[in-house]
Amino acid sequence: LCPYKTSYPNDDYYLYYSGSEASGMGRAA
């Protein structure tokens, strides 16, 4: 799991927040 918000993780990580889930819009949903 990538521990920080990014647009694409480096080669250490292969599961991440790939959309707007953690944004204000995502959290409201």
PDB file of all heavy atoms in Angstrom:
ATOM      1  N   LEU A   1       0.826  -1.204   0.000  1.00  0.00           N
ATOM      2  CA  LEU A   1       0.000   0.000   0.000  1.00  0.00           C
ATOM      3  C   LEU A   1       0.860   1.253   0.000  1.00  0.00           C
ATOM      4  O   LEU A   1       1.726   1.433   0.858  1.00  0.00           O
ATOM      5  CB  LEU A   1      -0.910  -0.003   1.226  1.00  0.00           C
ATOM      6  CG  LEU A   1      -1.824   1.205   1.416  1.00  0.00           C
ATOM      7  CD1 LEU A   1      -2.819   1.314   0.271  1.00  0.00           C
ATOM      8  CD2 LEU A   1      -2.546   1.102   2.757  1.00  0.00           C
ATOM      9  N   CYS A   2       0.609   2.133  -0.947  1.00  0.00           N
ATOM     10  CA  CYS A   2       1.344   3.401  -1.008  1.00  0.00           C
ATOM     11  C   CYS A   2       0.881   4.299   0.138  1.00  0.00           C
ATOM     12  O   CYS A   2      -0.319   4.566   0.272  1.00  0.00           O
ATOM     13  CB  CYS A   2       1.101   4.091  -2.353  1.00  0.00           C
ATOM     14  SG  CYS A   2       2.135   5.552  -2.603  1.00  0.00           S
ATOM     15  N   PRO A   3       1.801   4.797   0.971  1.00  0.00           N
ATOM     16  CA  PRO A   3       1.395   5.553   2.166  1.00  0.00           C
ATOM     17  C   PRO A   3       1.139   7.032   1.927  1.00  0.00           C
ATOM     18  O   PRO A   3       0.811   7.752   2.877  1.00  0.00           O
ATOM     19  CB  PRO A   3       2.592   5.361   3.099  1.00  0.00           C
ATOM     20  CG  PRO A   3       3.769   5.250   2.173  1.00  0.00           C
ATOM     21  CD  PRO A   3       3.253   4.533   0.946  1.00  0.00           C
ATOM     22  N   TYR A   4       1.299   7.509   0.710  1.00  0.00           N
ATOM     23  CA  TYR A   4       1.097   8.922   0.432  1.00  0.00           C
ATOM     24  C   TYR A   4       0.245   9.075  -0.829  1.00  0.00           C
ATOM     25  O   TYR A   4       0.115   8.148  -1.628  1.00  0.00           O
ATOM     26  CB  TYR A   4       2.437   9.646   0.248  1.00  0.00           C
ATOM     27  CG  TYR A   4       3.380   8.965  -0.719  1.00  0.00           C
ATOM     28  CD1 TYR A   4       3.265   9.152  -2.095  1.00  0.00           C
ATOM     29  CD2 TYR A   4       4.363   8.097  -0.252  1.00  0.00           C
ATOM     30  CE1 TYR A   4       4.108   8.505  -2.985  1.00  0.00           C
ATOM     31  CE2 TYR A   4       5.221   7.445  -1.133  1.00  0.00           C
ATOM     32  CZ  TYR A   4       5.091   7.649  -2.500  1.00  0.00           C
ATOM     33  OH  TYR A   4       5.926   7.003  -3.376  1.00  0.00           O
ATOM     34  N   LYS A   5      -0.337  10.256  -1.027  1.00  0.00           N
ATOM     35  CA  LYS A   5      -1.177  10.526  -2.194  1.00  0.00           C
ATOM     36  C   LYS A   5      -0.283  10.797  -3.398  1.00  0.00           C
ATOM     37  O   LYS A   5       0.649  11.588  -3.330  1.00  0.00           O
ATOM     38  CB  LYS A   5      -2.079  11.738  -1.924  1.00  0.00           C
ATOM     39  CG  LYS A   5      -3.117  11.984  -3.019  1.00  0.00           C
ATOM     40  CD  LYS A   5      -4.255  10.999  -2.917  1.00  0.00           C
ATOM     41  CE  LYS A   5      -5.372  11.332  -3.920  1.00  0.00           C
ATOM     42  NZ  LYS A   5      -5.027  10.999  -5.322  1.00  0.00           N
ATOM     43  N   THR A   6      -0.575  10.120  -4.485  1.00  0.00           N
ATOM     44  CA  THR A   6       0.229  10.276  -5.687  1.00  0.00           C
ATOM     45  C   THR A   6      -0.634  10.001  -6.913  1.00  0.00           C
ATOM     46  O   THR A   6      -1.723   9.421  -6.811  1.00  0.00           O
ATOM     47  CB  THR A   6       1.427   9.309  -5.669  1.00  0.00           C
ATOM     48  OG1 THR A   6       2.266   9.569  -6.807  1.00  0.00           O
ATOM     49  CG2 THR A   6       0.978   7.853  -5.700  1.00  0.00           C
ATOM     50  N   SER A   7      -0.134  10.416  -8.065  1.00  0.00           N
ATOM     51  CA  SER A   7      -0.838  10.107  -9.307  1.00  0.00           C
ATOM     52  C   SER A   7      -0.489   8.721  -9.815  1.00  0.00           C
ATOM     53  O   SER A   7      -1.275   8.093 -10.532  1.00  0.00           O
ATOM     54  CB  SER A   7      -0.491  11.148 -10.384  1.00  0.00           C
ATOM     55  OG  SER A   7       0.908  11.152 -10.634  1.00  0.00           O
ATOM     56  N   TYR A   8       0.695   8.234  -9.453  1.00  0.00           N
ATOM     57  CA  TYR A   8       1.134   6.895  -9.840  1.00  0.00           C
ATOM     58  C   TYR A   8       2.294   6.516  -8.922  1.00  0.00           C
ATOM     59  O   TYR A   8       3.247   7.279  -8.780  1.00  0.00           O
ATOM     60  CB  TYR A   8       1.597   6.876 -11.304  1.00  0.00           C
ATOM     61  CG  TYR A   8       1.876   5.487 -11.858  1.00  0.00           C
ATOM     62  CD1 TYR A   8       0.812   4.663 -12.233  1.00  0.00           C
ATOM     63  CD2 TYR A   8       3.175   5.026 -12.007  1.00  0.00           C
ATOM     64  CE1 TYR A   8       1.058   3.402 -12.746  1.00  0.00           C
ATOM     65  CE2 TYR A   8       3.423   3.763 -12.525  1.00  0.00           C
ATOM     66  CZ  TYR A   8       2.360   2.951 -12.894  1.00  0.00           C
ATOM     67  OH  TYR A   8       2.597   1.693 -13.402  1.00  0.00           O
ATOM     68  N   PRO A   9       2.228   5.366  -8.261  1.00  0.00           N
ATOM     69  CA  PRO A   9       3.258   5.029  -7.279  1.00  0.00           C
ATOM     70  C   PRO A   9       4.565   4.591  -7.934  1.00  0.00           C
ATOM     71  O   PRO A   9       4.582   4.135  -9.077  1.00  0.00           O
ATOM     72  CB  PRO A   9       2.626   3.877  -6.498  1.00  0.00           C
ATOM     73  CG  PRO A   9       1.681   3.235  -7.472  1.00  0.00           C
ATOM     74  CD  PRO A   9       1.167   4.350  -8.339  1.00  0.00           C
ATOM     75  N   ASN A  10       5.650   4.735  -7.179  1.00  0.00           N
ATOM     76  CA  ASN A  10       6.916   4.210  -7.675  1.00  0.00           C
ATOM     77  C   ASN A  10       6.946   2.688  -7.503  1.00  0.00           C
ATOM     78  O   ASN A  10       5.955   2.083  -7.099  1.00  0.00           O
ATOM     79  CB  ASN A  10       8.105   4.897  -6.975  1.00  0.00           C
ATOM     80  CG  ASN A  10       8.132   4.629  -5.473  1.00  0.00           C
ATOM     81  OD1 ASN A  10       7.619   3.632  -4.977  1.00  0.00           O
ATOM     82  ND2 ASN A  10       8.752   5.545  -4.739  1.00  0.00           N
ATOM     83  N   ASP A  11       8.085   2.081  -7.797  1.00  0.00           N
ATOM     84  CA  ASP A  11       8.139   0.621  -7.858  1.00  0.00           C
ATOM     85  C   ASP A  11       8.122  -0.066  -6.495  1.00  0.00           C
ATOM     86  O   ASP A  11       8.222  -1.297  -6.422  1.00  0.00           O
ATOM     87  CB  ASP A  11       9.378   0.179  -8.641  1.00  0.00           C
ATOM     88  CG  ASP A  11       9.283   0.526 -10.109  1.00  0.00           C
ATOM     89  OD1 ASP A  11       8.149   0.709 -10.593  1.00  0.00           O
ATOM     90  OD2 ASP A  11      10.338   0.613 -10.779  1.00  0.00           O
ATOM     91  N   ASP A  12       7.956   0.700  -5.432  1.00  0.00           N
ATOM     92  CA  ASP A  12       7.819   0.103  -4.101  1.00  0.00           C
ATOM     93  C   ASP A  12       6.369  -0.251  -3.766  1.00  0.00           C
ATOM     94  O   ASP A  12       6.138  -1.007  -2.813  1.00  0.00           O
ATOM     95  CB  ASP A  12       8.337   1.072  -3.035  1.00  0.00           C
ATOM     96  CG  ASP A  12       9.835   1.304  -3.120  1.00  0.00           C
ATOM     97  OD1 ASP A  12      10.551   0.382  -3.567  1.00  0.00           O
ATOM     98  OD2 ASP A  12      10.284   2.406  -2.772  1.00  0.00           O
ATOM     99  N   TYR A  13       5.411   0.290  -4.542  1.00  0.00           N
ATOM    100  CA  TYR A  13       4.006   0.164  -4.152  1.00  0.00           C
ATOM    101  C   TYR A  13       3.124  -0.217  -5.337  1.00  0.00           C
ATOM    102  O   TYR A  13       3.334   0.262  -6.455  1.00  0.00           O
ATOM    103  CB  TYR A  13       3.513   1.481  -3.537  1.00  0.00           C
ATOM    104  CG  TYR A  13       4.375   1.966  -2.402  1.00  0.00           C
ATOM    105  CD1 TYR A  13       5.179   3.096  -2.543  1.00  0.00           C
ATOM    106  CD2 TYR A  13       4.412   1.283  -1.192  1.00  0.00           C
ATOM    107  CE1 TYR A  13       5.989   3.544  -1.507  1.00  0.00           C
ATOM    108  CE2 TYR A  13       5.221   1.718  -0.144  1.00  0.00           C
ATOM    109  CZ  TYR A  13       6.000   2.840  -0.312  1.00  0.00           C
ATOM    110  OH  TYR A  13       6.808   3.266   0.715  1.00  0.00           O
ATOM    111  N   TYR A  14       2.082  -1.050  -5.034  1.00  0.00           N
ATOM    112  CA  TYR A  14       1.214  -1.544  -6.101  1.00  0.00           C
ATOM    113  C   TYR A  14      -0.272  -1.492  -5.764  1.00  0.00           C
ATOM    114  O   TYR A  14      -1.090  -2.021  -6.496  1.00  0.00           O
ATOM    115  CB  TYR A  14       1.641  -2.969  -6.488  1.00  0.00           C
ATOM    116  CG  TYR A  14       2.999  -2.957  -7.147  1.00  0.00           C
ATOM    117  CD1 TYR A  14       4.156  -3.116  -6.395  1.00  0.00           C
ATOM    118  CD2 TYR A  14       3.125  -2.701  -8.504  1.00  0.00           C
ATOM    119  CE1 TYR A  14       5.407  -3.056  -6.988  1.00  0.00           C
ATOM    120  CE2 TYR A  14       4.370  -2.652  -9.109  1.00  0.00           C
ATOM    121  CZ  TYR A  14       5.499  -2.825  -8.345  1.00  0.00           C
ATOM    122  OH  TYR A  14       6.736  -2.746  -8.952  1.00  0.00           O
ATOM    123  N   LEU A  15      -0.618  -0.850  -4.657  1.00  0.00           N
ATOM    124  CA  LEU A  15      -2.018  -0.569  -4.318  1.00  0.00           C
ATOM    125  C   LEU A  15      -2.057   0.869  -3.822  1.00  0.00           C
ATOM    126  O   LEU A  15      -1.287   1.247  -2.939  1.00  0.00           O
ATOM    127  CB  LEU A  15      -2.519  -1.523  -3.230  1.00  0.00           C
ATOM    128  CG  LEU A  15      -3.966  -1.306  -2.742  1.00  0.00           C
ATOM    129  CD1 LEU A  15      -4.973  -1.587  -3.859  1.00  0.00           C
ATOM    130  CD2 LEU A  15      -4.267  -2.179  -1.524  1.00  0.00           C
ATOM    131  N   TYR A  16      -2.965   1.683  -4.392  1.00  0.00           N
ATOM    132  CA  TYR A  16      -2.967   3.099  -4.027  1.00  0.00           C
ATOM    133  C   TYR A  16      -4.324   3.736  -4.322  1.00  0.00           C
ATOM    134  O   TYR A  16      -5.180   3.118  -4.968  1.00  0.00           O
ATOM    135  CB  TYR A  16      -1.852   3.843  -4.751  1.00  0.00           C
ATOM    136  CG  TYR A  16      -2.067   4.086  -6.237  1.00  0.00           C
ATOM    137  CD1 TYR A  16      -2.188   5.376  -6.746  1.00  0.00           C
ATOM    138  CD2 TYR A  16      -2.125   3.023  -7.143  1.00  0.00           C
ATOM    139  CE1 TYR A  16      -2.373   5.609  -8.109  1.00  0.00           C
ATOM    140  CE2 TYR A  16      -2.293   3.245  -8.505  1.00  0.00           C
ATOM    141  CZ  TYR A  16      -2.420   4.533  -8.977  1.00  0.00           C
ATOM    142  OH  TYR A  16      -2.604   4.761 -10.320  1.00  0.00           O
ATOM    143  N   TYR A  17      -4.493   4.954  -3.821  1.00  0.00           N
ATOM    144  CA  TYR A  17      -5.693   5.739  -4.124  1.00  0.00           C
ATOM    145  C   TYR A  17      -5.535   6.282  -5.547  1.00  0.00           C
ATOM    146  O   TYR A  17      -4.861   7.282  -5.763  1.00  0.00           O
ATOM    147  CB  TYR A  17      -5.848   6.887  -3.127  1.00  0.00           C
ATOM    148  CG  TYR A  17      -6.307   6.478  -1.754  1.00  0.00           C
ATOM    149  CD1 TYR A  17      -5.382   6.168  -0.760  1.00  0.00           C
ATOM    150  CD2 TYR A  17      -7.661   6.406  -1.450  1.00  0.00           C
ATOM    151  CE1 TYR A  17      -5.799   5.787   0.518  1.00  0.00           C
ATOM    152  CE2 TYR A  17      -8.087   6.028  -0.182  1.00  0.00           C
ATOM    153  CZ  TYR A  17      -7.152   5.729   0.796  1.00  0.00           C
ATOM    154  OH  TYR A  17      -7.577   5.355   2.052  1.00  0.00           O
ATOM    155  N   SER A  18      -6.182   5.636  -6.494  1.00  0.00           N
ATOM    156  CA  SER A  18      -5.954   5.988  -7.895  1.00  0.00           C
ATOM    157  C   SER A  18      -6.961   6.987  -8.443  1.00  0.00           C
ATOM    158  O   SER A  18      -6.860   7.394  -9.601  1.00  0.00           O
ATOM    159  CB  SER A  18      -5.976   4.723  -8.766  1.00  0.00           C
ATOM    160  OG  SER A  18      -7.252   4.107  -8.739  1.00  0.00           O
ATOM    161  N   GLY A  19      -7.915   7.397  -7.624  1.00  0.00           N
ATOM    162  CA  GLY A  19      -8.904   8.372  -8.067  1.00  0.00           C
ATOM    163  C   GLY A  19      -9.018   9.519  -7.085  1.00  0.00           C
ATOM    164  O   GLY A  19      -8.034   9.960  -6.488  1.00  0.00           O
ATOM    165  N   SER A  20     -10.239   9.999  -6.904  1.00  0.00           N
ATOM    166  CA  SER A  20     -10.508  11.124  -5.995  1.00  0.00           C
ATOM    167  C   SER A  20     -11.166  10.653  -4.702  1.00  0.00           C
ATOM    168  O   SER A  20     -11.869  11.411  -4.046  1.00  0.00           O
ATOM    169  CB  SER A  20     -11.419  12.150  -6.686  1.00  0.00           C
ATOM    170  OG  SER A  20     -10.788  12.732  -7.799  1.00  0.00           O
ATOM    171  N   GLU A  21     -10.916   9.399  -4.325  1.00  0.00           N
ATOM    172  CA  GLU A  21     -11.590   8.844  -3.155  1.00  0.00           C
ATOM    173  C   GLU A  21     -11.328   9.650  -1.885  1.00  0.00           C
ATOM    174  O   GLU A  21     -12.211   9.794  -1.038  1.00  0.00           O
ATOM    175  CB  GLU A  21     -11.142   7.386  -2.927  1.00  0.00           C
ATOM    176  CG  GLU A  21     -11.427   6.457  -4.081  1.00  0.00           C
ATOM    177  CD  GLU A  21     -10.284   6.439  -5.094  1.00  0.00           C
ATOM    178  OE1 GLU A  21      -9.318   7.227  -4.949  1.00  0.00           O
ATOM    179  OE2 GLU A  21     -10.363   5.629  -6.026  1.00  0.00           O
ATOM    180  N   ALA A  22     -10.082  10.156  -1.721  1.00  0.00           N
ATOM    181  CA  ALA A  22      -9.715  10.865  -0.493  1.00  0.00           C
ATOM    182  C   ALA A  22      -9.963  12.363  -0.568  1.00  0.00           C
ATOM    183  O   ALA A  22      -9.702  13.079   0.393  1.00  0.00           O
ATOM    184  CB  ALA A  22      -8.245  10.612  -0.165  1.00  0.00           C
ATOM    185  N   SER A  23     -10.491  12.845  -1.688  1.00  0.00           N
ATOM    186  CA  SER A  23     -10.779  14.274  -1.833  1.00  0.00           C
ATOM    187  C   SER A  23     -12.059  14.630  -1.084  1.00  0.00           C
ATOM    188  O   SER A  23     -12.759  13.764  -0.553  1.00  0.00           O
ATOM    189  CB  SER A  23     -10.946  14.618  -3.313  1.00  0.00           C
ATOM    190  OG  SER A  23     -12.165  14.065  -3.806  1.00  0.00           O
ATOM    191  N   GLY A  24     -12.362  15.917  -1.078  1.00  0.00           N
ATOM    192  CA  GLY A  24     -13.613  16.324  -0.459  1.00  0.00           C
ATOM    193  C   GLY A  24     -14.811  15.691  -1.124  1.00  0.00           C
ATOM    194  O   GLY A  24     -15.744  15.234  -0.458  1.00  0.00           O
ATOM    195  N   MET A  25     -14.810  15.653  -2.461  1.00  0.00           N
ATOM    196  CA  MET A  25     -15.911  15.021  -3.188  1.00  0.00           C
ATOM    197  C   MET A  25     -16.022  13.546  -2.843  1.00  0.00           C
ATOM    198  O   MET A  25     -17.114  13.036  -2.578  1.00  0.00           O
ATOM    199  CB  MET A  25     -15.694  15.183  -4.692  1.00  0.00           C
ATOM    200  CG  MET A  25     -16.761  14.511  -5.565  1.00  0.00           C
ATOM    201  SD  MET A  25     -16.498  12.728  -5.892  1.00  0.00           S
ATOM    202  CE  MET A  25     -15.187  12.804  -7.104  1.00  0.00           C
ATOM    203  N   GLY A  26     -14.885  12.842  -2.829  1.00  0.00           N
ATOM    204  CA  GLY A  26     -14.916  11.409  -2.553  1.00  0.00           C
ATOM    205  C   GLY A  26     -15.384  11.089  -1.157  1.00  0.00           C
ATOM    206  O   GLY A  26     -16.173  10.165  -0.947  1.00  0.00           O
ATOM    207  N   ARG A  27     -14.916  11.846  -0.187  1.00  0.00           N
ATOM    208  CA  ARG A  27     -15.294  11.594   1.203  1.00  0.00           C
ATOM    209  C   ARG A  27     -16.762  11.902   1.468  1.00  0.00           C
ATOM    210  O   ARG A  27     -17.379  11.277   2.334  1.00  0.00           O
ATOM    211  CB  ARG A  27     -14.419  12.422   2.138  1.00  0.00           C
ATOM    212  CG  ARG A  27     -12.967  12.004   2.094  1.00  0.00           C
ATOM    213  CD  ARG A  27     -12.115  12.826   3.036  1.00  0.00           C
ATOM    214  NE  ARG A  27     -10.716  12.497   2.858  1.00  0.00           N
ATOM    215  CZ  ARG A  27      -9.781  12.670   3.791  1.00  0.00           C
ATOM    216  NH1 ARG A  27     -10.116  13.168   4.970  1.00  0.00           N
ATOM    217  NH2 ARG A  27      -8.529  12.350   3.547  1.00  0.00           N
ATOM    218  N   ALA A  28     -17.296  12.856   0.731  1.00  0.00           N
ATOM    219  CA  ALA A  28     -18.717  13.150   0.900  1.00  0.00           C
ATOM    220  C   ALA A  28     -19.583  11.988   0.415  1.00  0.00           C
ATOM    221  O   ALA A  28     -20.714  11.821   0.871  1.00  0.00           O
ATOM    222  CB  ALA A  28     -19.078  14.423   0.139  1.00  0.00           C
ATOM    223  N   ALA A  29     -19.038  11.185  -0.503  1.00  0.00           N
ATOM    224  CA  ALA A  29     -19.816  10.068  -1.060  1.00  0.00           C
ATOM    225  C   ALA A  29     -19.701   8.820  -0.206  1.00  0.00           C
ATOM    226  O   ALA A  29     -20.694   8.112   0.012  1.00  0.00           O
ATOM    227  CB  ALA A  29     -19.342   9.771  -2.483  1.00  0.00           C
TER     228      ALA A  29
END
